[in-house]
PDB file of N, CA and C in Angstrom:
ATOM      1  N   MET A   1     174.496  14.503-102.040  1.00  0.00           N
ATOM      2  CA  MET A   1     173.357  14.863-101.216  1.00  0.00           C
ATOM      3  C   MET A   1     173.809  14.909 -99.751  1.00  0.00           C
ATOM      4  N   ALA A   2     173.301  15.874 -99.030  1.00  0.00           N
ATOM      5  CA  ALA A   2     173.596  15.985 -97.603  1.00  0.00           C
ATOM      6  C   ALA A   2     172.901  14.860 -96.842  1.00  0.00           C
ATOM      7  N   GLU A   3     173.374  14.646 -95.617  1.00  0.00           N
ATOM      8  CA  GLU A   3     172.758  13.615 -94.780  1.00  0.00           C
ATOM      9  C   GLU A   3     171.283  13.944 -94.555  1.00  0.00           C
ATOM     10  N   PRO A   4     170.399  12.959 -94.611  1.00  0.00           N
ATOM     11  CA  PRO A   4     168.977  13.219 -94.400  1.00  0.00           C
ATOM     12  C   PRO A   4     168.709  13.831 -93.021  1.00  0.00           C
ATOM     13  N   VAL A   5     167.765  14.740 -93.008  1.00  0.00           N
ATOM     14  CA  VAL A   5     167.309  15.351 -91.765  1.00  0.00           C
ATOM     15  C   VAL A   5     166.081  14.583 -91.296  1.00  0.00           C
ATOM     16  N   THR A   6     165.998  14.336 -90.002  1.00  0.00           N
ATOM     17  CA  THR A   6     164.860  13.623 -89.432  1.00  0.00           C
ATOM     18  C   THR A   6     163.887  14.639 -88.847  1.00  0.00           C
ATOM     19  N   ARG A   7     162.632  14.511 -89.196  1.00  0.00           N
ATOM     20  CA  ARG A   7     161.581  15.412 -88.695  1.00  0.00           C
ATOM     21  C   ARG A   7     160.528  14.576 -87.983  1.00  0.00           C
ATOM     22  N   VAL A   8     160.007  15.167 -86.931  1.00  0.00           N
ATOM     23  CA  VAL A   8     158.950  14.511 -86.170  1.00  0.00           C
ATOM     24  C   VAL A   8     157.764  15.457 -86.100  1.00  0.00           C
ATOM     25  N   VAL A   9     156.588  14.921 -86.344  1.00  0.00           N
ATOM     26  CA  VAL A   9     155.347  15.654 -86.160  1.00  0.00           C
ATOM     27  C   VAL A   9     154.560  14.882 -85.103  1.00  0.00           C
ATOM     28  N   LEU A  10     154.360  15.518 -83.978  1.00  0.00           N
ATOM     29  CA  LEU A  10     153.645  14.882 -82.867  1.00  0.00           C
ATOM     30  C   LEU A  10     152.368  15.660 -82.616  1.00  0.00           C
ATOM     31  N   ARG A  11     151.242  14.992 -82.743  1.00  0.00           N
ATOM     32  CA  ARG A  11     149.935  15.608 -82.502  1.00  0.00           C
ATOM     33  C   ARG A  11     149.390  15.077 -81.192  1.00  0.00           C
ATOM     34  N   VAL A  12     148.997  16.010 -80.325  1.00  0.00           N
ATOM     35  CA  VAL A  12     148.390  15.625 -79.054  1.00  0.00           C
ATOM     36  C   VAL A  12     147.113  16.442 -78.852  1.00  0.00           C
ATOM     37  N   VAL A  13     146.162  15.832 -78.163  1.00  0.00           N
ATOM     38  CA  VAL A  13     144.892  16.490 -77.877  1.00  0.00           C
ATOM     39  C   VAL A  13     144.650  16.434 -76.379  1.00  0.00           C
ATOM     40  N   ALA A  14     144.506  17.609 -75.786  1.00  0.00           N
ATOM     41  CA  ALA A  14     144.246  17.703 -74.351  1.00  0.00           C
ATOM     42  C   ALA A  14     142.761  17.481 -74.064  1.00  0.00           C
ATOM     43  N   ARG A  15     142.497  17.078 -72.855  1.00  0.00           N
ATOM     44  CA  ARG A  15     141.106  17.116 -72.392  1.00  0.00           C
ATOM     45  C   ARG A  15     140.766  18.580 -72.104  1.00  0.00           C
ATOM     46  N   GLU A  16     139.517  18.933 -72.224  1.00  0.00           N
ATOM     47  CA  GLU A  16     139.115  20.331 -71.999  1.00  0.00           C
ATOM     48  C   GLU A  16     139.544  20.825 -70.623  1.00  0.00           C
ATOM     49  N   SER A  17     139.483  19.958 -69.646  1.00  0.00           N
ATOM     50  CA  SER A  17     139.824  20.346 -68.269  1.00  0.00           C
ATOM     51  C   SER A  17     141.322  20.418 -68.014  1.00  0.00           C
ATOM     52  N   THR A  18     142.142  19.977 -68.979  1.00  0.00           N
ATOM     53  CA  THR A  18     143.593  19.923 -68.735  1.00  0.00           C
ATOM     54  C   THR A  18     144.420  20.752 -69.712  1.00  0.00           C
ATOM     55  N   VAL A  19     143.773  21.440 -70.635  1.00  0.00           N
ATOM     56  CA  VAL A  19     144.528  22.159 -71.667  1.00  0.00           C
ATOM     57  C   VAL A  19     145.495  23.177 -71.053  1.00  0.00           C
ATOM     58  N   ASP A  20     145.084  23.868 -70.004  1.00  0.00           N
ATOM     59  CA  ASP A  20     145.972  24.866 -69.389  1.00  0.00           C
ATOM     60  C   ASP A  20     147.128  24.223 -68.632  1.00  0.00           C
ATOM     61  N   GLN A  21     146.980  22.994 -68.226  1.00  0.00           N
ATOM     62  CA  GLN A  21     148.073  22.259 -67.578  1.00  0.00           C
ATOM     63  C   GLN A  21     149.049  21.708 -68.610  1.00  0.00           C
ATOM     64  N   LEU A  22     148.543  21.332 -69.782  1.00  0.00           N
ATOM     65  CA  LEU A  22     149.385  20.724 -70.810  1.00  0.00           C
ATOM     66  C   LEU A  22     150.318  21.736 -71.470  1.00  0.00           C
ATOM     67  N   LYS A  23     149.842  22.949 -71.693  1.00  0.00           N
ATOM     68  CA  LYS A  23     150.655  23.957 -72.394  1.00  0.00           C
ATOM     69  C   LYS A  23     152.043  24.130 -71.789  1.00  0.00           C
ATOM     70  N   PRO A  24     152.179  24.366 -70.481  1.00  0.00           N
ATOM     71  CA  PRO A  24     153.529  24.561 -69.944  1.00  0.00           C
ATOM     72  C   PRO A  24     154.406  23.313 -70.042  1.00  0.00           C
ATOM     73  N   VAL A  25     153.823  22.136 -70.013  1.00  0.00           N
ATOM     74  CA  VAL A  25     154.591  20.900 -70.174  1.00  0.00           C
ATOM     75  C   VAL A  25     155.200  20.865 -71.581  1.00  0.00           C
ATOM     76  N   LEU A  26     154.395  21.192 -72.574  1.00  0.00           N
ATOM     77  CA  LEU A  26     154.869  21.175 -73.959  1.00  0.00           C
ATOM     78  C   LEU A  26     155.912  22.262 -74.208  1.00  0.00           C
ATOM     79  N   LEU A  27     155.683  23.438 -73.646  1.00  0.00           N
ATOM     80  CA  LEU A  27     156.628  24.543 -73.848  1.00  0.00           C
ATOM     81  C   LEU A  27     157.972  24.271 -73.180  1.00  0.00           C
ATOM     82  N   GLU A  28     157.956  23.666 -72.015  1.00  0.00           N
ATOM     83  CA  GLU A  28     159.212  23.327 -71.341  1.00  0.00           C
ATOM     84  C   GLU A  28     159.948  22.230 -72.095  1.00  0.00           C
ATOM     85  N   LEU A  29     159.215  21.255 -72.602  1.00  0.00           N
ATOM     86  CA  LEU A  29     159.822  20.208 -73.418  1.00  0.00           C
ATOM     87  C   LEU A  29     160.515  20.820 -74.629  1.00  0.00           C
ATOM     88  N   ALA A  30     159.858  21.742 -75.303  1.00  0.00           N
ATOM     89  CA  ALA A  30     160.442  22.383 -76.480  1.00  0.00           C
ATOM     90  C   ALA A  30     161.679  23.182 -76.104  1.00  0.00           C
ATOM     91  N   LYS A  31     161.600  23.929 -75.034  1.00  0.00           N
ATOM     92  CA  LYS A  31     162.733  24.763 -74.598  1.00  0.00           C
ATOM     93  C   LYS A  31     163.965  23.908 -74.333  1.00  0.00           C
ATOM     94  N   GLN A  32     163.796  22.845 -73.568  1.00  0.00           N
ATOM     95  CA  GLN A  32     164.934  21.990 -73.238  1.00  0.00           C
ATOM     96  C   GLN A  32     165.425  21.207 -74.452  1.00  0.00           C
ATOM     97  N   SER A  33     164.521  20.811 -75.313  1.00  0.00           N
ATOM     98  CA  SER A  33     164.905  20.046 -76.501  1.00  0.00           C
ATOM     99  C   SER A  33     165.712  20.898 -77.465  1.00  0.00           C
ATOM    100  N   ARG A  34     165.348  22.167 -77.615  1.00  0.00           N
ATOM    101  CA  ARG A  34     166.089  23.050 -78.517  1.00  0.00           C
ATOM    102  C   ARG A  34     167.555  23.193 -78.111  1.00  0.00           C
ATOM    103  N   ALA A  35     167.856  22.992 -76.831  1.00  0.00           N
ATOM    104  CA  ALA A  35     169.233  23.114 -76.335  1.00  0.00           C
ATOM    105  C   ALA A  35     170.063  21.855 -76.586  1.00  0.00           C
ATOM    106  N   GLU A  36     169.440  20.787 -77.043  1.00  0.00           N
ATOM    107  CA  GLU A  36     170.148  19.532 -77.266  1.00  0.00           C
ATOM    108  C   GLU A  36     171.006  19.577 -78.522  1.00  0.00           C
ATOM    109  N   GLU A  37     172.143  18.903 -78.450  1.00  0.00           N
ATOM    110  CA  GLU A  37     172.991  18.746 -79.627  1.00  0.00           C
ATOM    111  C   GLU A  37     172.222  17.948 -80.674  1.00  0.00           C
ATOM    112  N   GLY A  38     172.240  18.429 -81.897  1.00  0.00           N
ATOM    113  CA  GLY A  38     171.551  17.734 -82.976  1.00  0.00           C
ATOM    114  C   GLY A  38     170.136  18.205 -83.224  1.00  0.00           C
ATOM    115  N   CYS A  39     169.629  19.106 -82.368  1.00  0.00           N
ATOM    116  CA  CYS A  39     168.281  19.637 -82.581  1.00  0.00           C
ATOM    117  C   CYS A  39     168.375  20.867 -83.474  1.00  0.00           C
ATOM    118  N   ASN A  40     167.762  20.789 -84.647  1.00  0.00           N
ATOM    119  CA  ASN A  40     167.740  21.920 -85.583  1.00  0.00           C
ATOM    120  C   ASN A  40     166.587  22.871 -85.296  1.00  0.00           C
ATOM    121  N   GLY A  41     165.560  22.385 -84.613  1.00  0.00           N
ATOM    122  CA  GLY A  41     164.392  23.208 -84.318  1.00  0.00           C
ATOM    123  C   GLY A  41     163.337  22.401 -83.604  1.00  0.00           C
ATOM    124  N   TYR A  42     162.558  23.083 -82.784  1.00  0.00           N
ATOM    125  CA  TYR A  42     161.504  22.418 -82.022  1.00  0.00           C
ATOM    126  C   TYR A  42     160.436  23.460 -81.746  1.00  0.00           C
ATOM    127  N   LYS A  43     159.269  23.305 -82.335  1.00  0.00           N
ATOM    128  CA  LYS A  43     158.189  24.283 -82.229  1.00  0.00           C
ATOM    129  C   LYS A  43     156.925  23.615 -81.703  1.00  0.00           C
ATOM    130  N   VAL A  44     156.136  24.385 -80.969  1.00  0.00           N
ATOM    131  CA  VAL A  44     154.841  23.930 -80.467  1.00  0.00           C
ATOM    132  C   VAL A  44     153.768  24.815 -81.098  1.00  0.00           C
ATOM    133  N   PHE A  45     152.774  24.182 -81.693  1.00  0.00           N
ATOM    134  CA  PHE A  45     151.666  24.896 -82.318  1.00  0.00           C
ATOM    135  C   PHE A  45     150.359  24.485 -81.642  1.00  0.00           C
ATOM    136  N   GLN A  46     149.439  25.449 -81.516  1.00  0.00           N
ATOM    137  CA  GLN A  46     148.102  25.166 -81.006  1.00  0.00           C
ATOM    138  C   GLN A  46     147.118  25.503 -82.115  1.00  0.00           C
ATOM    139  N   SER A  47     146.193  24.607 -82.370  1.00  0.00           N
ATOM    140  CA  SER A  47     145.209  24.806 -83.428  1.00  0.00           C
ATOM    141  C   SER A  47     144.306  25.999 -83.098  1.00  0.00           C
ATOM    142  N   LYS A  48     144.077  26.832 -84.102  1.00  0.00           N
ATOM    143  CA  LYS A  48     143.163  27.966 -83.924  1.00  0.00           C
ATOM    144  C   LYS A  48     141.711  27.503 -83.928  1.00  0.00           C
ATOM    145  N   SER A  49     141.419  26.465 -84.712  1.00  0.00           N
ATOM    146  CA  SER A  49     140.038  25.997 -84.820  1.00  0.00           C
ATOM    147  C   SER A  49     139.687  24.944 -83.775  1.00  0.00           C
ATOM    148  N   GLU A  50     140.697  24.220 -83.276  1.00  0.00           N
ATOM    149  CA  GLU A  50     140.506  23.185 -82.257  1.00  0.00           C
ATOM    150  C   GLU A  50     141.499  23.448 -81.134  1.00  0.00           C
ATOM    151  N   PRO A  51     141.210  24.331 -80.195  1.00  0.00           N
ATOM    152  CA  PRO A  51     142.207  24.761 -79.200  1.00  0.00           C
ATOM    153  C   PRO A  51     142.717  23.673 -78.254  1.00  0.00           C
ATOM    154  N   LEU A  52     142.121  22.507 -78.271  1.00  0.00           N
ATOM    155  CA  LEU A  52     142.621  21.401 -77.463  1.00  0.00           C
ATOM    156  C   LEU A  52     143.725  20.621 -78.180  1.00  0.00           C
ATOM    157  N   GLU A  53     143.917  20.915 -79.464  1.00  0.00           N
ATOM    158  CA  GLU A  53     144.874  20.186 -80.293  1.00  0.00           C
ATOM    159  C   GLU A  53     146.187  20.960 -80.433  1.00  0.00           C
ATOM    160  N   PHE A  54     147.287  20.236 -80.221  1.00  0.00           N
ATOM    161  CA  PHE A  54     148.628  20.791 -80.352  1.00  0.00           C
ATOM    162  C   PHE A  54     149.437  19.935 -81.312  1.00  0.00           C
ATOM    163  N   VAL A  55     150.355  20.570 -82.011  1.00  0.00           N
ATOM    164  CA  VAL A  55     151.295  19.858 -82.860  1.00  0.00           C
ATOM    165  C   VAL A  55     152.688  20.311 -82.468  1.00  0.00           C
ATOM    166  N   LEU A  56     153.562  19.349 -82.229  1.00  0.00           N
ATOM    167  CA  LEU A  56     154.969  19.627 -81.980  1.00  0.00           C
ATOM    168  C   LEU A  56     155.712  19.242 -83.246  1.00  0.00           C
ATOM    169  N   TYR A  57     156.517  20.183 -83.738  1.00  0.00           N
ATOM    170  CA  TYR A  57     157.275  19.961 -84.955  1.00  0.00           C
ATOM    171  C   TYR A  57     158.755  20.002 -84.596  1.00  0.00           C
ATOM    172  N   GLU A  58     159.437  18.884 -84.809  1.00  0.00           N
ATOM    173  CA  GLU A  58     160.835  18.747 -84.424  1.00  0.00           C
ATOM    174  C   GLU A  58     161.683  18.488 -85.658  1.00  0.00           C
ATOM    175  N   SER A  59     162.888  19.054 -85.658  1.00  0.00           N
ATOM    176  CA  SER A  59     163.852  18.790 -86.721  1.00  0.00           C
ATOM    177  C   SER A  59     165.159  18.377 -86.068  1.00  0.00           C
ATOM    178  N   TRP A  60     165.657  17.206 -86.461  1.00  0.00           N
ATOM    179  CA  TRP A  60     166.873  16.634 -85.887  1.00  0.00           C
ATOM    180  C   TRP A  60     167.896  16.403 -86.986  1.00  0.00           C
ATOM    181  N   ALA A  61     169.151  16.687 -86.688  1.00  0.00           N
ATOM    182  CA  ALA A  61     170.225  16.558 -87.667  1.00  0.00           C
ATOM    183  C   ALA A  61     170.393  15.124 -88.139  1.00  0.00           C
ATOM    184  N   THR A  62     170.143  14.172 -87.251  1.00  0.00           N
ATOM    185  CA  THR A  62     170.291  12.750 -87.582  1.00  0.00           C
ATOM    186  C   THR A  62     169.288  11.925 -86.798  1.00  0.00           C
ATOM    187  N   GLN A  63     169.081  10.704 -87.240  1.00  0.00           N
ATOM    188  CA  GLN A  63     168.244   9.772 -86.490  1.00  0.00           C
ATOM    189  C   GLN A  63     168.853   9.503 -85.115  1.00  0.00           C
ATOM    190  N   GLU A  64     170.175   9.452 -85.056  1.00  0.00           N
ATOM    191  CA  GLU A  64     170.869   9.205 -83.783  1.00  0.00           C
ATOM    192  C   GLU A  64     170.585  10.324 -82.779  1.00  0.00           C
ATOM    193  N   ALA A  65     170.540  11.568 -83.266  1.00  0.00           N
ATOM    194  CA  ALA A  65     170.219  12.695 -82.373  1.00  0.00           C
ATOM    195  C   ALA A  65     168.805  12.542 -81.821  1.00  0.00           C
ATOM    196  N   LEU A  66     167.874  12.122 -82.671  1.00  0.00           N
ATOM    197  CA  LEU A  66     166.502  11.886 -82.209  1.00  0.00           C
ATOM    198  C   LEU A  66     166.467  10.744 -81.203  1.00  0.00           C
ATOM    199  N   ASP A  67     167.187   9.678 -81.479  1.00  0.00           N
ATOM    200  CA  ASP A  67     167.218   8.543 -80.556  1.00  0.00           C
ATOM    201  C   ASP A  67     167.752   8.966 -79.184  1.00  0.00           C
ATOM    202  N   ARG A  68     168.806   9.786 -79.161  1.00  0.00           N
ATOM    203  CA  ARG A  68     169.352  10.289 -77.886  1.00  0.00           C
ATOM    204  C   ARG A  68     168.328  11.166 -77.177  1.00  0.00           C
ATOM    205  N   HIS A  69     167.646  11.999 -77.946  1.00  0.00           N
ATOM    206  CA  HIS A  69     166.625  12.886 -77.394  1.00  0.00           C
ATOM    207  C   HIS A  69     165.581  12.110 -76.593  1.00  0.00           C
ATOM    208  N   LEU A  70     165.155  10.994 -77.144  1.00  0.00           N
ATOM    209  CA  LEU A  70     164.094  10.213 -76.497  1.00  0.00           C
ATOM    210  C   LEU A  70     164.518   9.621 -75.157  1.00  0.00           C
ATOM    211  N   THR A  71     165.812   9.579 -74.890  1.00  0.00           N
ATOM    212  CA  THR A  71     166.303   9.040 -73.608  1.00  0.00           C
ATOM    213  C   THR A  71     166.556  10.129 -72.572  1.00  0.00           C
ATOM    214  N   ARG A  72     166.433  11.371 -72.938  1.00  0.00           N
ATOM    215  CA  ARG A  72     166.750  12.480 -72.036  1.00  0.00           C
ATOM    216  C   ARG A  72     165.738  12.572 -70.893  1.00  0.00           C
ATOM    217  N   PRO A  73     166.217  12.947 -69.702  1.00  0.00           N
ATOM    218  CA  PRO A  73     165.311  13.069 -68.549  1.00  0.00           C
ATOM    219  C   PRO A  73     164.144  14.039 -68.780  1.00  0.00           C
ATOM    220  N   HIS A  74     164.378  15.139 -69.484  1.00  0.00           N
ATOM    221  CA  HIS A  74     163.274  16.094 -69.687  1.00  0.00           C
ATOM    222  C   HIS A  74     162.179  15.510 -70.590  1.00  0.00           C
ATOM    223  N   VAL A  75     162.543  14.602 -71.470  1.00  0.00           N
ATOM    224  CA  VAL A  75     161.537  13.941 -72.296  1.00  0.00           C
ATOM    225  C   VAL A  75     160.718  12.974 -71.436  1.00  0.00           C
ATOM    226  N   GLN A  76     161.387  12.233 -70.603  1.00  0.00           N
ATOM    227  CA  GLN A  76     160.684  11.301 -69.718  1.00  0.00           C
ATOM    228  C   GLN A  76     159.757  12.043 -68.760  1.00  0.00           C
ATOM    229  N   THR A  77     160.212  13.187 -68.252  1.00  0.00           N
ATOM    230  CA  THR A  77     159.372  14.013 -67.368  1.00  0.00           C
ATOM    231  C   THR A  77     158.144  14.514 -68.117  1.00  0.00           C
ATOM    232  N   ALA A  78     158.342  14.999 -69.333  1.00  0.00           N
ATOM    233  CA  ALA A  78     157.224  15.499 -70.133  1.00  0.00           C
ATOM    234  C   ALA A  78     156.205  14.397 -70.417  1.00  0.00           C
ATOM    235  N   LEU A  79     156.688  13.212 -70.710  1.00  0.00           N
ATOM    236  CA  LEU A  79     155.771  12.093 -70.939  1.00  0.00           C
ATOM    237  C   LEU A  79     154.983  11.765 -69.674  1.00  0.00           C
ATOM    238  N   ALA A  80     155.672  11.711 -68.549  1.00  0.00           N
ATOM    239  CA  ALA A  80     155.010  11.377 -67.284  1.00  0.00           C
ATOM    240  C   ALA A  80     153.972  12.429 -66.909  1.00  0.00           C
ATOM    241  N   GLN A  81     154.284  13.693 -67.157  1.00  0.00           N
ATOM    242  CA  GLN A  81     153.356  14.771 -66.811  1.00  0.00           C
ATOM    243  C   GLN A  81     152.274  14.959 -67.862  1.00  0.00           C
ATOM    244  N   GLY A  82     152.645  14.812 -69.136  1.00  0.00           N
ATOM    245  CA  GLY A  82     151.736  15.164 -70.214  1.00  0.00           C
ATOM    246  C   GLY A  82     150.743  14.100 -70.620  1.00  0.00           C
ATOM    247  N   VAL A  83     151.164  12.864 -70.702  1.00  0.00           N
ATOM    248  CA  VAL A  83     150.272  11.807 -71.196  1.00  0.00           C
ATOM    249  C   VAL A  83     148.976  11.701 -70.375  1.00  0.00           C
ATOM    250  N   PRO A  84     149.017  11.813 -69.053  1.00  0.00           N
ATOM    251  CA  PRO A  84     147.761  11.739 -68.301  1.00  0.00           C
ATOM    252  C   PRO A  84     146.787  12.892 -68.590  1.00  0.00           C
ATOM    253  N   LEU A  85     147.271  13.949 -69.224  1.00  0.00           N
ATOM    254  CA  LEU A  85     146.430  15.108 -69.527  1.00  0.00           C
ATOM    255  C   LEU A  85     145.749  15.012 -70.888  1.00  0.00           C
ATOM    256  N   LEU A  86     146.065  13.959 -71.638  1.00  0.00           N
ATOM    257  CA  LEU A  86     145.573  13.835 -73.006  1.00  0.00           C
ATOM    258  C   LEU A  86     144.212  13.152 -73.091  1.00  0.00           C
ATOM    259  N   ALA A  87     143.457  13.560 -74.099  1.00  0.00           N
ATOM    260  CA  ALA A  87     142.140  12.969 -74.356  1.00  0.00           C
ATOM    261  C   ALA A  87     142.251  11.698 -75.187  1.00  0.00           C
ATOM    262  N   GLU A  88     143.388  11.539 -75.874  1.00  0.00           N
ATOM    263  CA  GLU A  88     143.600  10.366 -76.733  1.00  0.00           C
ATOM    264  C   GLU A  88     145.101  10.115 -76.825  1.00  0.00           C
ATOM    265  N   PRO A  89     145.491   8.939 -77.281  1.00  0.00           N
ATOM    266  CA  PRO A  89     146.924   8.658 -77.398  1.00  0.00           C
ATOM    267  C   PRO A  89     147.598   9.638 -78.365  1.00  0.00           C
ATOM    268  N   PRO A  90     148.857   9.982 -78.116  1.00  0.00           N
ATOM    269  CA  PRO A  90     149.577  10.859 -79.034  1.00  0.00           C
ATOM    270  C   PRO A  90     149.747  10.202 -80.401  1.00  0.00           C
ATOM    271  N   ASP A  91     149.765  11.023 -81.437  1.00  0.00           N
ATOM    272  CA  ASP A  91     149.990  10.552 -82.805  1.00  0.00           C
ATOM    273  C   ASP A  91     151.356  11.077 -83.232  1.00  0.00           C
ATOM    274  N   ARG A  92     152.352  10.184 -83.287  1.00  0.00           N
ATOM    275  CA  ARG A  92     153.729  10.558 -83.591  1.00  0.00           C
ATOM    276  C   ARG A  92     154.119  10.004 -84.951  1.00  0.00           C
ATOM    277  N   ARG A  93     154.592  10.901 -85.829  1.00  0.00           N
ATOM    278  CA  ARG A  93     155.024  10.515 -87.164  1.00  0.00           C
ATOM    279  C   ARG A  93     156.455  10.985 -87.372  1.00  0.00           C
ATOM    280  N   VAL A  94     157.303  10.116 -87.894  1.00  0.00           N
ATOM    281  CA  VAL A  94     158.710  10.443 -88.125  1.00  0.00           C
ATOM    282  C   VAL A  94     158.954  10.410 -89.634  1.00  0.00           C
ATOM    283  N   TYR A  95     159.613  11.461 -90.122  1.00  0.00           N
ATOM    284  CA  TYR A  95     159.902  11.611 -91.549  1.00  0.00           C
ATOM    285  C   TYR A  95     161.377  11.890 -91.737  1.00  0.00           C
ATOM    286  N   THR A  96     161.860  11.625 -92.936  1.00  0.00           N
ATOM    287  CA  THR A  96     163.222  11.980 -93.288  1.00  0.00           C
ATOM    288  C   THR A  96     163.228  12.600 -94.675  1.00  0.00           C
ATOM    289  N   THR A  97     164.160  13.513 -94.890  1.00  0.00           N
ATOM    290  CA  THR A  97     164.243  14.141 -96.205  1.00  0.00           C
ATOM    291  C   THR A  97     164.690  13.106 -97.241  1.00  0.00           C
ATOM    292  N   ILE A  98     164.182  13.254 -98.463  1.00  0.00           N
ATOM    293  CA  ILE A  98     164.531  12.312 -99.523  1.00  0.00           C
ATOM    294  C   ILE A  98     165.202  13.006-100.696  1.00  0.00           C
ATOM    295  N   ASP A  99     165.393  14.314-100.606  1.00  0.00           N
ATOM    296  CA  ASP A  99     166.123  15.006-101.679  1.00  0.00           C
ATOM    297  C   ASP A  99     167.067  16.028-101.122  1.00  0.00           C
TER     298      ASP A  99
END
């Protein structure tokens, strides 16, 4: 079996007054994250039925790559800029392949 792949699903909900401010923060985070070693993919989705809700879907080659990602300056910047724009705390789930 190949080494397990680590996936992250991050759900965030903007306040109605901040949704247009949050989008560029999320898109820049994805752009810079995709350039990182060990990043297999990084996508940002916006709900069609709930336009204040976003899901970030990340795929990392290893847990170590994800751990390094979390220390990167662009991640810290995104957290500092993005968290104050949210209506509720982020919901972050980490998964790994099992087959």
